[in-house]
């Protein structure tokens, strides 16, 4: 058999040792966590069935809860606007970061990936706390938090799309005398725009879910009244807000899924 066609066997023993070491380390960490964490909790006087009834059944039959539906709908609309504005900012600003992190487009792709990794290291809630302290409470802080975090996620996805483009198209354009700008406009952009749009729409779905909790730290949206009602054990109001969130998120998923299928 030709040596060039021989299959290279993986170092089985070496991989087994690595797996064993990782497995033992995880067992040790789980042991430390389970033996040092206080797992006791204060039980509720209500049964799970009673709480579920108050969350998803009683709100439809209480006039004072139904009267708050327009108010909760306004907070949910504010949440949608926070997610939309943040995603729009990220979808635009992530493009240069994506090209910077793409190996086939940038000579310093390692720096671009490092920047994107650094941005993604901070969750939205932490960024919201920082921006609330910097610019004050309100939706503006939520938009900044969602937008900055989404830049890290979309930039990484954009870079992967750019790295997977057909380079033969670019070579053909260069061989016909196209300059760098023409190569980008006619060779790269048409290949990446559909996937960019697909990822941006999908990211909007994720940001809607993320924006619902930013109000907990004062970044606007439905999160603030939701956490206040839950702290007061007003499960009927909590249930009505959860129902509104579920309905809106489901509708957005259906619409965005249809749009993404047509794009791709």
C-alpha atoms as a PDB file:
ATOM      1  CA  UNK A   1       0.000   0.000   0.000  1.00  0.00           C
ATOM      2  CA  UNK A   2       1.239   3.480  -0.863  1.00  0.00           C
ATOM      3  CA  UNK A   3       2.397   5.365   2.192  1.00  0.00           C
ATOM      4  CA  UNK A   4       0.646   8.482   0.943  1.00  0.00           C
ATOM      5  CA  UNK A   5      -2.679   6.685   1.086  1.00  0.00           C
ATOM      6  CA  UNK A   6      -2.161   5.051   4.454  1.00  0.00           C
ATOM      7  CA  UNK A   7      -4.445   6.239   7.193  1.00  0.00           C
ATOM      8  CA  UNK A   8      -2.668   7.897  10.076  1.00  0.00           C
ATOM      9  CA  UNK A   9      -3.853   6.297  13.265  1.00  0.00           C
ATOM     10  CA  UNK A  10      -4.594   8.790  16.050  1.00  0.00           C
ATOM     11  CA  UNK A  11      -2.536   8.526  19.216  1.00  0.00           C
ATOM     12  CA  UNK A  12      -5.114   6.495  21.131  1.00  0.00           C
ATOM     13  CA  UNK A  13      -3.142   6.148  24.354  1.00  0.00           C
ATOM     14  CA  UNK A  14      -2.350   9.854  24.476  1.00  0.00           C
ATOM     15  CA  UNK A  15      -6.003  10.772  23.947  1.00  0.00           C
ATOM     16  CA  UNK A  16      -7.068   8.295  26.625  1.00  0.00           C
ATOM     17  CA  UNK A  17      -4.699   9.879  29.127  1.00  0.00           C
ATOM     18  CA  UNK A  18      -6.046  13.344  28.312  1.00  0.00           C
ATOM     19  CA  UNK A  19      -9.617  12.131  28.707  1.00  0.00           C
ATOM     20  CA  UNK A  20      -8.787  10.474  32.023  1.00  0.00           C
ATOM     21  CA  UNK A  21      -7.108  13.622  33.387  1.00  0.00           C
ATOM     22  CA  UNK A  22     -10.020  15.843  32.331  1.00  0.00           C
ATOM     23  CA  UNK A  23     -12.514  13.373  33.787  1.00  0.00           C
ATOM     24  CA  UNK A  24     -10.705  13.275  37.160  1.00  0.00           C
ATOM     25  CA  UNK A  25     -10.464  17.068  37.291  1.00  0.00           C
ATOM     26  CA  UNK A  26     -14.209  17.383  36.632  1.00  0.00           C
ATOM     27  CA  UNK A  27     -15.001  14.816  39.319  1.00  0.00           C
ATOM     28  CA  UNK A  28     -12.843  16.745  41.786  1.00  0.00           C
ATOM     29  CA  UNK A  29     -14.519  20.073  40.915  1.00  0.00           C
ATOM     30  CA  UNK A  30     -18.011  18.576  41.247  1.00  0.00           C
ATOM     31  CA  UNK A  31     -17.035  17.095  44.609  1.00  0.00           C
ATOM     32  CA  UNK A  32     -15.817  20.484  45.870  1.00  0.00           C
ATOM     33  CA  UNK A  33     -18.954  22.205  44.578  1.00  0.00           C
ATOM     34  CA  UNK A  34     -21.380  19.713  46.115  1.00  0.00           C
ATOM     35  CA  UNK A  35     -19.622  19.552  49.489  1.00  0.00           C
ATOM     36  CA  UNK A  36     -19.109  23.302  49.965  1.00  0.00           C
ATOM     37  CA  UNK A  37     -22.375  24.691  48.546  1.00  0.00           C
ATOM     38  CA  UNK A  38     -25.316  25.211  50.851  1.00  0.00           C
ATOM     39  CA  UNK A  39     -28.164  23.450  49.073  1.00  0.00           C
ATOM     40  CA  UNK A  40     -30.829  24.167  51.686  1.00  0.00           C
ATOM     41  CA  UNK A  41     -33.727  26.377  50.646  1.00  0.00           C
ATOM     42  CA  UNK A  42     -36.808  27.862  52.211  1.00  0.00           C
ATOM     43  CA  UNK A  43     -39.861  26.123  50.864  1.00  0.00           C
ATOM     44  CA  UNK A  44     -43.012  27.871  49.734  1.00  0.00           C
ATOM     45  CA  UNK A  45     -46.356  27.414  51.446  1.00  0.00           C
ATOM     46  CA  UNK A  46     -47.961  26.957  48.022  1.00  0.00           C
ATOM     47  CA  UNK A  47     -47.799  23.725  46.094  1.00  0.00           C
ATOM     48  CA  UNK A  48     -46.414  23.733  42.521  1.00  0.00           C
ATOM     49  CA  UNK A  49     -49.915  23.113  41.196  1.00  0.00           C
ATOM     50  CA  UNK A  50     -51.266  26.145  43.079  1.00  0.00           C
ATOM     51  CA  UNK A  51     -48.457  28.392  41.790  1.00  0.00           C
ATOM     52  CA  UNK A  52     -48.991  27.148  38.238  1.00  0.00           C
ATOM     53  CA  UNK A  53     -52.726  27.882  38.560  1.00  0.00           C
ATOM     54  CA  UNK A  54     -52.030  31.401  39.796  1.00  0.00           C
ATOM     55  CA  UNK A  55     -49.527  31.967  36.987  1.00  0.00           C
ATOM     56  CA  UNK A  56     -51.392  30.720  33.936  1.00  0.00           C
ATOM     57  CA  UNK A  57     -55.065  30.355  34.890  1.00  0.00           C
ATOM     58  CA  UNK A  58     -56.143  32.985  37.407  1.00  0.00           C
ATOM     59  CA  UNK A  59     -54.822  36.022  35.434  1.00  0.00           C
ATOM     60  CA  UNK A  60     -57.579  35.562  32.841  1.00  0.00           C
ATOM     61  CA  UNK A  61     -60.310  35.830  35.487  1.00  0.00           C
ATOM     62  CA  UNK A  62     -59.049  38.769  37.568  1.00  0.00           C
ATOM     63  CA  UNK A  63     -60.237  42.179  36.364  1.00  0.00           C
ATOM     64  CA  UNK A  64     -57.388  44.104  37.995  1.00  0.00           C
ATOM     65  CA  UNK A  65     -54.805  41.924  36.225  1.00  0.00           C
ATOM     66  CA  UNK A  66     -56.556  42.186  32.851  1.00  0.00           C
ATOM     67  CA  UNK A  67     -56.653  45.952  33.279  1.00  0.00           C
ATOM     68  CA  UNK A  68     -52.842  45.986  33.340  1.00  0.00           C
ATOM     69  CA  UNK A  69     -52.495  44.249  29.955  1.00  0.00           C
ATOM     70  CA  UNK A  70     -51.994  47.553  28.034  1.00  0.00           C
ATOM     71  CA  UNK A  71     -49.297  48.581  30.518  1.00  0.00           C
ATOM     72  CA  UNK A  72     -47.507  45.236  30.202  1.00  0.00           C
ATOM     73  CA  UNK A  73     -47.868  45.354  26.410  1.00  0.00           C
ATOM     74  CA  UNK A  74     -46.178  48.770  26.414  1.00  0.00           C
ATOM     75  CA  UNK A  75     -43.263  47.398  28.446  1.00  0.00           C
ATOM     76  CA  UNK A  76     -42.992  44.458  26.050  1.00  0.00           C
ATOM     77  CA  UNK A  77     -43.018  46.833  23.087  1.00  0.00           C
ATOM     78  CA  UNK A  78     -40.210  48.764  24.747  1.00  0.00           C
ATOM     79  CA  UNK A  79     -38.321  45.491  25.117  1.00  0.00           C
ATOM     80  CA  UNK A  80     -38.754  44.789  21.407  1.00  0.00           C
ATOM     81  CA  UNK A  81     -37.427  48.243  20.546  1.00  0.00           C
ATOM     82  CA  UNK A  82     -34.393  47.696  22.779  1.00  0.00           C
ATOM     83  CA  UNK A  83     -33.672  44.396  21.049  1.00  0.00           C
ATOM     84  CA  UNK A  84     -34.224  45.864  17.578  1.00  0.00           C
ATOM     85  CA  UNK A  85     -32.014  48.901  18.130  1.00  0.00           C
ATOM     86  CA  UNK A  86     -29.265  46.837  19.738  1.00  0.00           C
ATOM     87  CA  UNK A  87     -29.339  44.226  16.967  1.00  0.00           C
ATOM     88  CA  UNK A  88     -29.333  46.896  14.263  1.00  0.00           C
ATOM     89  CA  UNK A  89     -26.267  48.558  15.791  1.00  0.00           C
ATOM     90  CA  UNK A  90     -24.498  45.213  16.138  1.00  0.00           C
ATOM     91  CA  UNK A  91     -25.404  44.014  12.620  1.00  0.00           C
ATOM     92  CA  UNK A  92     -23.667  47.071  11.131  1.00  0.00           C
ATOM     93  CA  UNK A  93     -20.691  47.431  13.467  1.00  0.00           C
ATOM     94  CA  UNK A  94     -19.925  43.695  13.447  1.00  0.00           C
ATOM     95  CA  UNK A  95     -19.108  43.789   9.712  1.00  0.00           C
ATOM     96  CA  UNK A  96     -15.665  45.447  10.034  1.00  0.00           C
ATOM     97  CA  UNK A  97     -14.872  43.222  13.023  1.00  0.00           C
ATOM     98  CA  UNK A  98     -15.850  40.188  10.956  1.00  0.00           C
ATOM     99  CA  UNK A  99     -13.499  41.174   8.132  1.00  0.00           C
ATOM    100  CA  UNK A 100     -10.764  41.918  10.667  1.00  0.00           C
ATOM    101  CA  UNK A 101     -11.116  38.446  12.212  1.00  0.00           C
ATOM    102  CA  UNK A 102     -11.351  36.528   8.901  1.00  0.00           C
ATOM    103  CA  UNK A 103      -8.116  34.708   8.045  1.00  0.00           C
ATOM    104  CA  UNK A 104      -8.573  35.114   4.301  1.00  0.00           C
ATOM    105  CA  UNK A 105      -9.161  38.863   4.542  1.00  0.00           C
ATOM    106  CA  UNK A 106      -6.927  40.112   7.340  1.00  0.00           C
ATOM    107  CA  UNK A 107      -3.281  39.658   8.206  1.00  0.00           C
ATOM    108  CA  UNK A 108      -4.090  40.345  11.860  1.00  0.00           C
ATOM    109  CA  UNK A 109      -7.059  37.999  12.146  1.00  0.00           C
ATOM    110  CA  UNK A 110      -5.742  36.805  15.508  1.00  0.00           C
ATOM    111  CA  UNK A 111      -6.170  40.309  16.917  1.00  0.00           C
ATOM    112  CA  UNK A 112      -9.697  40.497  15.509  1.00  0.00           C
ATOM    113  CA  UNK A 113     -10.658  37.172  17.077  1.00  0.00           C
ATOM    114  CA  UNK A 114      -9.143  38.267  20.385  1.00  0.00           C
ATOM    115  CA  UNK A 115     -11.231  41.471  20.341  1.00  0.00           C
ATOM    116  CA  UNK A 116     -14.425  39.547  19.585  1.00  0.00           C
ATOM    117  CA  UNK A 117     -13.660  37.021  22.317  1.00  0.00           C
ATOM    118  CA  UNK A 118     -13.140  39.870  24.763  1.00  0.00           C
ATOM    119  CA  UNK A 119     -16.493  41.431  23.844  1.00  0.00           C
ATOM    120  CA  UNK A 120     -18.344  38.120  24.189  1.00  0.00           C
ATOM    121  CA  UNK A 121     -16.806  37.512  27.598  1.00  0.00           C
ATOM    122  CA  UNK A 122     -19.189  40.036  29.173  1.00  0.00           C
ATOM    123  CA  UNK A 123     -22.852  38.918  29.419  1.00  0.00           C
ATOM    124  CA  UNK A 124     -25.627  41.385  28.642  1.00  0.00           C
ATOM    125  CA  UNK A 125     -26.651  41.748  32.281  1.00  0.00           C
ATOM    126  CA  UNK A 126     -23.129  42.791  33.302  1.00  0.00           C
ATOM    127  CA  UNK A 127     -22.906  45.275  30.435  1.00  0.00           C
ATOM    128  CA  UNK A 128     -26.346  46.605  31.397  1.00  0.00           C
ATOM    129  CA  UNK A 129     -25.139  47.220  34.971  1.00  0.00           C
ATOM    130  CA  UNK A 130     -22.109  49.104  33.621  1.00  0.00           C
ATOM    131  CA  UNK A 131     -24.132  51.239  31.209  1.00  0.00           C
ATOM    132  CA  UNK A 132     -26.847  51.984  33.772  1.00  0.00           C
ATOM    133  CA  UNK A 133     -24.115  53.389  36.003  1.00  0.00           C
ATOM    134  CA  UNK A 134     -22.605  55.305  33.063  1.00  0.00           C
ATOM    135  CA  UNK A 135     -25.640  56.757  31.248  1.00  0.00           C
ATOM    136  CA  UNK A 136     -28.425  56.297  33.801  1.00  0.00           C
ATOM    137  CA  UNK A 137     -31.463  54.042  34.011  1.00  0.00           C
ATOM    138  CA  UNK A 138     -33.643  53.541  30.968  1.00  0.00           C
ATOM    139  CA  UNK A 139     -33.823  51.861  27.562  1.00  0.00           C
ATOM    140  CA  UNK A 140     -30.657  53.590  26.301  1.00  0.00           C
ATOM    141  CA  UNK A 141     -28.522  51.518  28.656  1.00  0.00           C
ATOM    142  CA  UNK A 142     -30.305  48.376  27.484  1.00  0.00           C
ATOM    143  CA  UNK A 143     -29.668  49.212  23.821  1.00  0.00           C
ATOM    144  CA  UNK A 144     -25.954  49.700  24.499  1.00  0.00           C
ATOM    145  CA  UNK A 145     -25.722  46.451  26.459  1.00  0.00           C
ATOM    146  CA  UNK A 146     -27.504  44.391  23.791  1.00  0.00           C
ATOM    147  CA  UNK A 147     -25.630  46.085  20.956  1.00  0.00           C
ATOM    148  CA  UNK A 148     -22.131  45.657  22.399  1.00  0.00           C
ATOM    149  CA  UNK A 149     -22.655  42.009  23.317  1.00  0.00           C
ATOM    150  CA  UNK A 150     -24.218  41.218  19.945  1.00  0.00           C
ATOM    151  CA  UNK A 151     -21.217  42.703  18.145  1.00  0.00           C
ATOM    152  CA  UNK A 152     -19.074  39.967  19.648  1.00  0.00           C
ATOM    153  CA  UNK A 153     -21.456  37.186  18.616  1.00  0.00           C
ATOM    154  CA  UNK A 154     -22.267  38.486  15.123  1.00  0.00           C
ATOM    155  CA  UNK A 155     -18.634  39.394  14.455  1.00  0.00           C
ATOM    156  CA  UNK A 156     -17.600  35.798  15.096  1.00  0.00           C
ATOM    157  CA  UNK A 157     -20.353  34.439  12.848  1.00  0.00           C
ATOM    158  CA  UNK A 158     -19.561  36.987  10.143  1.00  0.00           C
ATOM    159  CA  UNK A 159     -15.885  35.999  10.221  1.00  0.00           C
ATOM    160  CA  UNK A 160     -16.791  32.333   9.719  1.00  0.00           C
ATOM    161  CA  UNK A 161     -18.993  33.247   6.755  1.00  0.00           C
ATOM    162  CA  UNK A 162     -16.223  35.329   5.173  1.00  0.00           C
ATOM    163  CA  UNK A 163     -13.692  32.529   5.644  1.00  0.00           C
ATOM    164  CA  UNK A 164     -15.979  30.102   3.795  1.00  0.00           C
ATOM    165  CA  UNK A 165     -16.497  32.184   0.632  1.00  0.00           C
ATOM    166  CA  UNK A 166     -15.365  30.948  -2.776  1.00  0.00           C
ATOM    167  CA  UNK A 167     -11.924  32.503  -3.287  1.00  0.00           C
ATOM    168  CA  UNK A 168     -11.918  31.498  -6.966  1.00  0.00           C
ATOM    169  CA  UNK A 169     -14.433  34.267  -7.642  1.00  0.00           C
ATOM    170  CA  UNK A 170     -12.037  36.799  -6.147  1.00  0.00           C
ATOM    171  CA  UNK A 171      -9.112  35.422  -8.131  1.00  0.00           C
ATOM    172  CA  UNK A 172     -11.137  35.668 -11.349  1.00  0.00           C
ATOM    173  CA  UNK A 173     -11.978  39.299 -10.660  1.00  0.00           C
ATOM    174  CA  UNK A 174      -8.337  40.138  -9.889  1.00  0.00           C
ATOM    175  CA  UNK A 175      -7.147  38.410 -13.052  1.00  0.00           C
ATOM    176  CA  UNK A 176      -9.539  40.606 -15.056  1.00  0.00           C
ATOM    177  CA  UNK A 177      -8.052  43.777 -13.605  1.00  0.00           C
ATOM    178  CA  UNK A 178     -10.508  44.520 -10.784  1.00  0.00           C
ATOM    179  CA  UNK A 179      -9.141  46.666  -7.966  1.00  0.00           C
ATOM    180  CA  UNK A 180      -9.536  45.866  -4.267  1.00  0.00           C
ATOM    181  CA  UNK A 181     -12.781  47.828  -3.894  1.00  0.00           C
ATOM    182  CA  UNK A 182     -14.332  46.139  -6.930  1.00  0.00           C
ATOM    183  CA  UNK A 183     -13.272  42.717  -5.656  1.00  0.00           C
ATOM    184  CA  UNK A 184     -14.968  43.430  -2.333  1.00  0.00           C
ATOM    185  CA  UNK A 185     -18.121  44.830  -3.924  1.00  0.00           C
ATOM    186  CA  UNK A 186     -18.634  42.254  -6.673  1.00  0.00           C
ATOM    187  CA  UNK A 187     -16.851  39.235  -5.203  1.00  0.00           C
ATOM    188  CA  UNK A 188     -17.233  39.245  -1.435  1.00  0.00           C
ATOM    189  CA  UNK A 189     -20.411  41.191  -0.629  1.00  0.00           C
ATOM    190  CA  UNK A 190     -22.783  39.122  -2.833  1.00  0.00           C
ATOM    191  CA  UNK A 191     -21.532  35.921  -1.202  1.00  0.00           C
ATOM    192  CA  UNK A 192     -21.852  37.049   2.418  1.00  0.00           C
ATOM    193  CA  UNK A 193     -24.946  39.275   2.459  1.00  0.00           C
ATOM    194  CA  UNK A 194     -27.522  36.415   2.609  1.00  0.00           C
ATOM    195  CA  UNK A 195     -25.769  34.739   5.545  1.00  0.00           C
ATOM    196  CA  UNK A 196     -25.166  38.087   7.262  1.00  0.00           C
ATOM    197  CA  UNK A 197     -28.886  38.854   7.057  1.00  0.00           C
ATOM    198  CA  UNK A 198     -29.775  35.373   8.268  1.00  0.00           C
ATOM    199  CA  UNK A 199     -27.545  35.647  11.336  1.00  0.00           C
ATOM    200  CA  UNK A 200     -28.720  39.204  12.104  1.00  0.00           C
ATOM    201  CA  UNK A 201     -32.379  38.110  12.111  1.00  0.00           C
ATOM    202  CA  UNK A 202     -31.579  35.103  14.264  1.00  0.00           C
ATOM    203  CA  UNK A 203     -29.647  37.339  16.645  1.00  0.00           C
ATOM    204  CA  UNK A 204     -32.698  39.573  16.956  1.00  0.00           C
ATOM    205  CA  UNK A 205     -34.662  36.563  18.231  1.00  0.00           C
ATOM    206  CA  UNK A 206     -31.983  35.953  20.864  1.00  0.00           C
ATOM    207  CA  UNK A 207     -31.813  39.633  21.827  1.00  0.00           C
ATOM    208  CA  UNK A 208     -35.578  39.773  22.420  1.00  0.00           C
ATOM    209  CA  UNK A 209     -35.205  37.058  25.043  1.00  0.00           C
ATOM    210  CA  UNK A 210     -32.136  38.726  26.537  1.00  0.00           C
ATOM    211  CA  UNK A 211     -33.793  42.148  26.686  1.00  0.00           C
ATOM    212  CA  UNK A 212     -36.623  40.834  28.857  1.00  0.00           C
ATOM    213  CA  UNK A 213     -34.289  40.524  31.848  1.00  0.00           C
ATOM    214  CA  UNK A 214     -32.301  43.744  31.429  1.00  0.00           C
ATOM    215  CA  UNK A 215     -35.010  45.722  33.194  1.00  0.00           C
ATOM    216  CA  UNK A 216     -34.009  43.940  36.391  1.00  0.00           C
ATOM    217  CA  UNK A 217     -31.001  46.276  36.642  1.00  0.00           C
ATOM    218  CA  UNK A 218     -32.869  49.344  35.371  1.00  0.00           C
ATOM    219  CA  UNK A 219     -32.139  49.014  31.638  1.00  0.00           C
ATOM    220  CA  UNK A 220     -35.779  49.354  30.551  1.00  0.00           C
ATOM    221  CA  UNK A 221     -38.252  46.846  29.225  1.00  0.00           C
ATOM    222  CA  UNK A 222     -40.574  44.401  30.925  1.00  0.00           C
ATOM    223  CA  UNK A 223     -37.914  42.980  33.243  1.00  0.00           C
ATOM    224  CA  UNK A 224     -38.390  45.566  36.010  1.00  0.00           C
ATOM    225  CA  UNK A 225     -42.153  45.057  36.579  1.00  0.00           C
ATOM    226  CA  UNK A 226     -41.645  41.315  36.222  1.00  0.00           C
ATOM    227  CA  UNK A 227     -39.039  41.098  38.986  1.00  0.00           C
ATOM    228  CA  UNK A 228     -41.012  43.494  41.231  1.00  0.00           C
ATOM    229  CA  UNK A 229     -44.180  41.416  40.884  1.00  0.00           C
ATOM    230  CA  UNK A 230     -42.265  38.200  41.585  1.00  0.00           C
ATOM    231  CA  UNK A 231     -40.634  39.681  44.701  1.00  0.00           C
ATOM    232  CA  UNK A 232     -44.093  40.679  45.940  1.00  0.00           C
ATOM    233  CA  UNK A 233     -45.347  37.133  45.240  1.00  0.00           C
ATOM    234  CA  UNK A 234     -48.021  38.580  42.964  1.00  0.00           C
ATOM    235  CA  UNK A 235     -48.102  35.484  40.780  1.00  0.00           C
ATOM    236  CA  UNK A 236     -51.142  36.569  38.768  1.00  0.00           C
ATOM    237  CA  UNK A 237     -49.324  39.640  37.441  1.00  0.00           C
ATOM    238  CA  UNK A 238     -46.179  37.586  36.873  1.00  0.00           C
ATOM    239  CA  UNK A 239     -48.216  35.054  34.935  1.00  0.00           C
ATOM    240  CA  UNK A 240     -49.813  37.680  32.723  1.00  0.00           C
ATOM    241  CA  UNK A 241     -46.407  39.155  31.861  1.00  0.00           C
ATOM    242  CA  UNK A 242     -45.018  35.687  31.138  1.00  0.00           C
ATOM    243  CA  UNK A 243     -47.966  34.954  28.861  1.00  0.00           C
ATOM    244  CA  UNK A 244     -47.354  38.197  26.954  1.00  0.00           C
ATOM    245  CA  UNK A 245     -43.638  37.376  26.628  1.00  0.00           C
ATOM    246  CA  UNK A 246     -44.356  33.840  25.406  1.00  0.00           C
ATOM    247  CA  UNK A 247     -46.883  35.029  22.820  1.00  0.00           C
ATOM    248  CA  UNK A 248     -44.640  37.795  21.475  1.00  0.00           C
ATOM    249  CA  UNK A 249     -41.522  35.614  21.339  1.00  0.00           C
ATOM    250  CA  UNK A 250     -43.451  32.840  19.573  1.00  0.00           C
ATOM    251  CA  UNK A 251     -44.788  35.260  16.952  1.00  0.00           C
ATOM    252  CA  UNK A 252     -41.314  36.691  16.372  1.00  0.00           C
ATOM    253  CA  UNK A 253     -39.837  33.200  16.012  1.00  0.00           C
ATOM    254  CA  UNK A 254     -42.447  32.273  13.392  1.00  0.00           C
ATOM    255  CA  UNK A 255     -41.993  35.489  11.401  1.00  0.00           C
ATOM    256  CA  UNK A 256     -38.189  35.489  11.543  1.00  0.00           C
ATOM    257  CA  UNK A 257     -38.063  31.781  10.706  1.00  0.00           C
ATOM    258  CA  UNK A 258     -40.115  32.399   7.564  1.00  0.00           C
ATOM    259  CA  UNK A 259     -37.914  35.340   6.557  1.00  0.00           C
ATOM    260  CA  UNK A 260     -34.701  33.404   7.125  1.00  0.00           C
ATOM    261  CA  UNK A 261     -35.948  30.487   5.010  1.00  0.00           C
ATOM    262  CA  UNK A 262     -36.642  32.842   2.115  1.00  0.00           C
ATOM    263  CA  UNK A 263     -33.253  34.533   2.463  1.00  0.00           C
ATOM    264  CA  UNK A 264     -31.290  31.280   2.512  1.00  0.00           C
END
